[in-house]
Protein backbone atom coordinates (compact mmCIF):
# COMPACT_ATOMS: atom_id res chain seq x y z
CA MET A 1 144.30 -121.27 133.07
CA LEU A 2 140.56 -121.93 133.42
CA LEU A 3 139.60 -118.48 132.15
CA TYR A 4 142.03 -118.84 129.25
CA SER A 5 140.52 -122.22 128.35
CA LEU A 6 136.96 -120.88 128.50
CA ARG A 7 137.84 -117.96 126.21
CA ARG A 8 139.41 -120.28 123.66
CA LEU A 9 136.46 -122.68 123.88
CA ALA A 10 133.95 -119.87 123.31
CA ALA A 11 135.93 -118.63 120.30
CA SER A 12 136.05 -122.17 118.88
CA VAL A 13 132.28 -122.58 119.18
CA LEU A 14 131.71 -119.28 117.35
CA VAL A 15 134.09 -120.31 114.58
CA LEU A 16 132.32 -123.66 114.21
CA LEU A 17 128.90 -122.00 114.04
CA ALA A 18 130.06 -119.47 111.46
CA SER A 19 131.73 -122.11 109.29
CA SER A 20 128.67 -124.39 109.45
CA PHE A 21 126.40 -121.51 108.37
CA PHE A 22 128.54 -120.58 105.37
CA VAL A 23 128.85 -124.23 104.35
CA PHE A 24 125.08 -124.64 104.63
CA VAL A 25 124.43 -121.56 102.49
CA LEU A 26 126.88 -122.73 99.81
CA GLY A 27 125.48 -126.24 99.89
CA ALA A 28 121.87 -125.05 99.69
CA ALA A 29 122.74 -122.87 96.70
CA THR A 30 124.56 -125.57 94.71
CA ALA A 31 123.36 -129.04 95.76
CA ASP A 32 120.12 -130.47 94.38
CA PRO A 33 118.94 -133.50 96.40
CA LEU A 34 116.21 -134.14 93.82
CA ALA A 35 118.70 -134.64 90.97
CA ILE A 36 118.81 -138.40 91.60
CA TYR A 37 115.07 -138.58 90.92
CA ARG A 38 115.18 -136.35 87.84
CA GLN A 39 117.60 -138.77 86.20
CA ARG A 40 115.12 -141.62 86.29
CA THR A 41 113.41 -142.82 83.11
CA PRO A 42 110.54 -142.09 83.01
CA PRO A 43 110.80 -139.24 85.53
CA PRO A 44 108.42 -139.19 88.52
CA SER A 45 105.31 -137.05 88.48
CA GLN A 46 105.19 -133.45 89.64
CA ALA A 47 103.20 -134.54 92.68
CA PHE A 48 106.14 -136.76 93.69
CA PHE A 49 108.54 -133.83 93.44
CA ASP A 50 106.17 -131.59 95.41
CA ALA A 51 106.08 -134.19 98.17
CA LYS A 52 109.87 -134.49 98.20
CA ILE A 53 110.26 -130.70 98.36
CA LYS A 54 108.03 -130.72 101.44
CA GLU A 55 109.94 -133.67 102.92
CA PHE A 56 113.35 -132.01 102.45
CA HIS A 57 111.99 -128.57 103.46
CA LEU A 58 113.29 -127.08 100.21
CA ASP A 59 110.37 -124.64 100.13
CA GLU A 60 111.54 -122.92 103.33
CA PRO A 61 113.97 -119.96 103.50
CA VAL A 62 117.65 -120.84 103.95
CA PRO A 63 117.92 -119.38 107.52
CA VAL A 64 114.92 -121.46 108.62
CA ARG A 65 116.38 -124.60 107.04
CA TYR A 66 119.74 -123.93 108.71
CA TRP A 67 118.13 -123.48 112.11
CA ARG A 68 116.16 -126.69 111.65
CA TRP A 69 119.36 -128.54 110.68
CA LEU A 70 121.42 -126.97 113.50
CA THR A 71 118.90 -127.84 116.21
CA GLY A 72 118.84 -131.39 114.91
CA VAL A 73 122.66 -131.63 114.95
CA LEU A 74 122.77 -130.30 118.51
CA HIS A 75 120.49 -133.18 119.47
CA GLY A 76 122.62 -135.68 117.54
CA ASP A 77 120.30 -135.88 114.53
CA PHE A 78 122.02 -135.24 111.17
CA GLY A 79 118.83 -135.85 109.22
CA ASN A 80 118.21 -138.40 106.47
CA ASP A 81 119.85 -138.90 103.10
CA VAL A 82 117.98 -138.74 99.78
CA ASN A 83 116.94 -142.38 100.20
CA GLY A 84 115.40 -141.72 103.60
CA ASN A 85 118.09 -143.48 105.63
CA PRO A 86 119.35 -141.79 108.83
CA ILE A 87 122.81 -140.28 108.36
CA ARG A 88 124.13 -140.50 111.92
CA PRO A 89 124.82 -144.29 112.17
CA ASP A 90 126.61 -144.44 108.80
CA LEU A 91 128.52 -141.23 109.50
CA LEU A 92 129.73 -142.42 112.90
CA GLN A 93 130.79 -145.78 111.47
CA ARG A 94 132.75 -144.08 108.69
CA LEU A 95 134.24 -141.61 111.18
CA GLY A 96 135.57 -144.49 113.26
CA VAL A 97 137.30 -145.94 110.18
CA THR A 98 138.91 -142.65 109.14
CA GLY A 99 139.56 -141.51 112.69
CA ARG A 100 141.86 -144.36 113.61
CA MET A 101 143.96 -143.71 110.51
CA LEU A 102 144.16 -139.96 111.18
CA ILE A 103 145.06 -140.35 114.86
CA ALA A 104 147.69 -143.02 114.17
CA ALA A 105 149.20 -140.96 111.34
CA MET A 106 149.36 -137.79 113.45
CA ILE A 107 150.99 -139.54 116.40
CA LEU A 108 153.59 -141.18 114.18
CA ALA A 109 154.26 -137.98 112.20
CA VAL A 110 154.67 -135.80 115.32
CA PHE A 111 156.90 -138.37 117.02
CA LEU A 112 159.19 -138.67 114.00
CA ALA A 113 159.19 -134.90 113.36
CA ILE A 114 160.35 -134.14 116.90
CA ILE A 115 163.10 -136.77 116.89
CA VAL A 116 164.41 -135.95 113.41
CA GLY A 117 164.01 -132.18 113.91
CA VAL A 118 166.03 -132.19 117.12
CA LEU A 119 168.63 -134.60 115.73
CA THR A 120 169.24 -132.57 112.56
CA ALA A 121 169.43 -129.33 114.56
CA VAL A 122 171.93 -130.71 117.07
CA ARG A 123 174.01 -132.31 114.30
CA ARG A 124 173.76 -129.41 111.92
CA HIS A 125 175.82 -129.75 108.71
CA LYS A 126 176.66 -133.36 109.61
CA PHE A 127 175.84 -136.45 107.55
CA SER A 128 172.61 -137.17 109.43
CA ASP A 129 171.43 -133.59 108.79
CA TYR A 130 172.04 -133.84 105.05
CA PHE A 131 170.55 -137.35 104.91
CA PHE A 132 167.25 -136.48 106.61
CA THR A 133 167.04 -133.19 104.72
CA THR A 134 167.27 -135.07 101.42
CA ILE A 135 164.67 -137.61 102.54
CA SER A 136 162.34 -134.83 103.71
CA TYR A 137 162.49 -132.91 100.44
CA MET A 138 161.90 -136.11 98.48
CA LEU A 139 158.80 -136.89 100.55
CA ILE A 140 157.50 -133.32 100.29
CA ALA A 141 157.80 -133.50 96.50
CA LEU A 142 155.78 -136.74 96.25
CA PRO A 143 151.98 -136.47 95.80
CA VAL A 144 149.93 -138.32 98.40
CA PHE A 145 148.30 -140.75 95.97
CA TRP A 146 151.60 -141.58 94.23
CA PHE A 147 153.43 -142.30 97.48
CA ALA A 148 150.53 -144.47 98.63
CA VAL A 149 150.62 -146.43 95.37
CA LEU A 150 154.40 -146.92 95.70
CA LEU A 151 154.00 -148.33 99.21
CA LYS A 152 151.15 -150.54 98.12
CA GLU A 153 152.72 -151.96 94.98
CA PHE A 154 156.34 -152.33 96.08
CA LEU A 155 156.77 -152.40 99.86
CA ALA A 156 153.71 -154.48 100.75
CA ILE A 157 153.94 -156.96 97.90
CA ARG A 158 157.69 -157.53 98.39
CA LEU A 159 157.29 -157.89 102.17
CA ASN A 160 154.44 -160.38 101.83
CA GLU A 161 156.49 -162.41 99.34
CA LEU A 162 159.44 -162.37 101.74
CA VAL A 163 157.49 -163.69 104.74
CA GLY A 164 155.52 -166.13 102.60
CA HIS A 165 152.02 -164.97 103.54
CA THR A 166 149.88 -161.83 103.63
CA TRP A 167 151.26 -159.95 106.62
CA VAL A 168 150.51 -156.40 105.40
CA PHE A 169 147.16 -155.84 103.72
CA THR A 170 146.80 -153.46 100.78
CA THR A 171 143.00 -153.06 100.55
CA PHE A 172 140.11 -152.35 102.92
CA GLU A 173 140.18 -151.37 106.58
CA GLU A 174 139.55 -154.95 107.75
CA SER A 175 139.17 -158.41 106.25
CA PRO A 176 135.62 -158.93 104.94
CA GLY A 177 133.45 -160.71 107.48
CA ILE A 178 136.03 -160.90 110.27
CA SER A 179 133.78 -158.92 112.61
CA LEU A 180 131.25 -161.78 112.37
CA TYR A 181 133.52 -164.67 113.33
CA GLY A 182 136.72 -163.21 114.82
CA THR A 183 137.52 -162.71 118.48
CA PRO A 184 138.19 -159.13 119.69
CA GLY A 185 141.94 -159.84 119.63
CA GLU A 186 141.80 -161.20 116.09
CA ILE A 187 139.72 -158.24 114.90
CA TRP A 188 142.13 -155.65 116.30
CA SER A 189 145.16 -157.54 115.00
CA ASP A 190 143.58 -157.65 111.56
CA ARG A 191 142.73 -153.93 111.67
CA LEU A 192 146.26 -153.03 112.76
CA ARG A 193 147.76 -154.87 109.79
CA HIS A 194 145.33 -153.08 107.48
CA LEU A 195 146.30 -149.81 109.16
CA ILE A 196 150.06 -150.06 108.56
CA LEU A 197 150.31 -148.85 104.95
CA PRO A 198 147.70 -146.03 105.08
CA THR A 199 149.26 -144.71 108.29
CA ILE A 200 152.78 -144.76 106.88
CA SER A 201 151.74 -143.09 103.61
CA LEU A 202 149.86 -140.33 105.42
CA ALA A 203 152.33 -139.87 108.29
CA LEU A 204 155.58 -139.69 106.34
CA LEU A 205 154.40 -136.93 104.03
CA SER A 206 153.34 -134.83 107.03
CA PHE A 207 156.46 -135.68 108.99
CA ALA A 208 158.65 -134.42 106.11
CA SER A 209 157.46 -130.83 106.40
CA TRP A 210 156.95 -130.87 110.18
CA SER A 211 160.52 -132.02 110.80
CA ARG A 212 161.81 -129.00 108.85
CA PHE A 213 159.80 -126.66 111.08
CA GLN A 214 161.06 -128.44 114.18
CA ARG A 215 164.65 -128.20 112.98
CA ALA A 216 164.39 -124.46 112.25
CA SER A 217 162.67 -123.81 115.58
CA MET A 218 165.27 -125.84 117.47
CA LEU A 219 168.14 -123.98 115.80
CA ASP A 220 166.57 -120.67 116.77
CA VAL A 221 166.16 -121.77 120.39
CA MET A 222 169.69 -123.19 120.63
CA GLY A 223 171.12 -119.78 119.77
CA SER A 224 169.12 -117.93 122.44
CA ASP A 225 170.64 -116.26 125.50
CA TYR A 226 168.82 -118.34 128.12
CA MET A 227 170.24 -121.54 126.62
CA ARG A 228 173.78 -120.18 126.90
CA LEU A 229 173.04 -118.98 130.43
CA ALA A 230 171.79 -122.42 131.47
CA ARG A 231 174.97 -124.01 130.09
CA ALA A 232 177.09 -121.39 131.85
CA LYS A 233 175.46 -122.36 135.16
CA GLY A 234 176.81 -125.87 134.68
CA LEU A 235 173.61 -127.71 133.75
CA PRO A 236 174.15 -130.87 131.66
CA TYR A 237 173.81 -130.31 127.93
CA ARG A 238 171.10 -132.96 127.51
CA ARG A 239 168.99 -131.44 130.29
CA VAL A 240 169.34 -127.95 128.84
CA LEU A 241 168.45 -129.23 125.40
CA ILE A 242 165.33 -131.13 126.44
CA ARG A 243 164.10 -129.19 129.49
CA HIS A 244 164.69 -125.66 128.21
CA GLY A 245 165.23 -125.88 124.47
CA LEU A 246 162.77 -128.50 123.25
CA ARG A 247 159.89 -127.18 125.33
CA ASN A 248 160.07 -123.76 123.66
CA ALA A 249 160.86 -125.20 120.25
CA LEU A 250 157.63 -127.22 120.29
CA ILE A 251 155.43 -124.11 120.14
CA PRO A 252 155.90 -123.44 116.37
CA LEU A 253 155.46 -127.16 115.63
CA THR A 254 152.21 -127.15 117.60
CA THR A 255 150.93 -124.31 115.41
CA VAL A 256 151.89 -126.08 112.19
CA VAL A 257 150.32 -129.39 113.26
CA ALA A 258 147.06 -127.70 114.25
CA LEU A 259 146.87 -125.78 110.97
CA ASP A 260 147.66 -128.90 108.93
CA VAL A 261 144.75 -130.93 110.30
CA GLY A 262 142.61 -129.87 107.33
CA THR A 263 145.37 -130.93 104.95
CA LEU A 264 145.62 -134.27 106.75
CA ILE A 265 141.88 -134.84 106.35
CA GLY A 266 142.20 -134.11 102.62
CA GLY A 267 145.15 -136.48 102.41
CA ALA A 268 143.16 -139.14 104.26
CA VAL A 269 140.41 -138.90 101.64
CA ILE A 270 142.95 -139.62 98.87
CA THR A 271 144.67 -142.34 100.89
CA GLU A 272 141.34 -144.05 101.50
CA SER A 273 140.61 -144.14 97.79
CA VAL A 274 144.00 -145.78 97.05
CA PHE A 275 143.59 -148.45 99.74
CA GLN A 276 139.82 -148.80 99.18
CA TRP A 277 138.82 -147.91 102.71
CA HIS A 278 135.11 -147.43 103.42
CA GLY A 279 135.64 -144.24 105.39
CA MET A 280 134.67 -140.59 105.35
CA GLY A 281 136.22 -139.96 101.94
CA GLU A 282 134.11 -142.58 100.15
CA TYR A 283 131.04 -141.40 102.08
CA PHE A 284 131.60 -137.80 100.99
CA PHE A 285 132.25 -138.47 97.31
CA ALA A 286 129.88 -141.39 96.69
CA ASN A 287 126.96 -140.58 98.98
CA GLY A 288 127.34 -136.81 99.21
CA LEU A 289 128.63 -135.29 95.98
CA GLY A 290 127.49 -138.22 93.86
CA HIS A 291 123.85 -137.78 94.91
CA GLN A 292 124.12 -134.01 95.60
CA ASP A 293 122.83 -134.85 99.06
CA ILE A 294 123.04 -131.68 101.14
CA ASN A 295 122.59 -133.48 104.48
CA VAL A 296 125.41 -135.93 103.77
CA ILE A 297 127.70 -133.12 102.57
CA LEU A 298 126.92 -131.03 105.65
CA GLY A 299 127.38 -133.98 107.98
CA TRP A 300 130.81 -134.68 106.52
CA LEU A 301 131.87 -131.04 106.50
CA ILE A 302 130.70 -130.32 110.04
CA VAL A 303 132.70 -133.34 111.28
CA ALA A 304 135.78 -132.19 109.32
CA ALA A 305 135.37 -128.61 110.58
CA SER A 306 134.99 -129.90 114.13
CA PHE A 307 138.28 -131.78 113.81
CA VAL A 308 140.05 -128.62 112.63
CA VAL A 309 138.51 -126.42 115.35
CA LEU A 310 139.15 -128.95 118.11
CA PHE A 311 142.78 -129.45 117.15
CA ASN A 312 143.31 -125.69 117.03
CA LEU A 313 141.67 -125.43 120.46
CA PHE A 314 143.99 -128.16 121.71
CA ALA A 315 146.94 -126.25 120.24
CA ASP A 316 145.86 -123.08 122.06
CA LEU A 317 145.68 -124.97 125.36
CA LEU A 318 149.02 -126.64 124.69
CA TYR A 319 150.61 -123.20 124.17
CA ALA A 320 149.64 -122.33 127.74
CA VAL A 321 151.23 -125.54 129.00
CA LEU A 322 154.47 -125.06 127.08
CA ASP A 323 154.75 -121.34 127.87
CA PRO A 324 152.73 -120.11 130.90
CA ARG A 325 153.19 -116.47 129.78
CA ILE A 326 150.67 -117.09 126.96
CA ARG A 327 147.86 -117.50 129.51
CA LEU A 328 148.14 -113.83 130.40
CA SER A 329 148.04 -112.49 126.83
């Protein structure tokens, strides 16, 4: 198991290095961090631009600039933005905002996908199967931003009117200023109520497709020979279903969840814009693309790529737990 984990970890590091290099090359070829200064009226002098070129190391070859950036990242330094502010503190703060939404959405989506997938497989062609299949296809057909708007405008507003006060928040990741006067319990309670709608909007759309994969995988496992053999030996149906069937049926779902992490990050960016969260999405579009700031763009992309690589590494390790034969392949 240790050797298997080390091989997967080494492969993940190589993938992350390769992806960061290609992203850096593309960013260096397209982004212009001096564009914000060229738009000023009157424009700065040529001496100003020459100084900025030296400051941003734009006069150096791309491989040298990449190595300078990579060594800084390995030491926890993501450089400065076009205004001279360090990127790391702002990036980590935004990552914490987006991260709690992503983690909560993934946990909820996986939990619902497993339950609904197993239920619809066991009760195939029954009412519950048709009901959840219809719901799943409806959710798959809805765009992320439209579903988020529906939750925001109808569910939250109606619920708040029903209880008589604002119980579910529709904007921002926390109430403005609560971190200055609230107790730790009040802060977390406030953040949880702000987290409800973004988590639901992001989780349900992922759950819709994941539950279909879980259902198909569970049906395939239920028709296998070892399941019939376990039943023939007299083992209880529930134990056979969970101990033998579900464990093997989780392998395809693990693959799908790991591959969909990038899609979830993209969905989180859209969800943040609908609910006006100050997370990674706003940081990327406003501070990165808006200013053509290569360091901000690279900081965001390397964090997003790290999420994808780490979740795929976790999926590889989970394969070995679910099916020990994979360790020997």
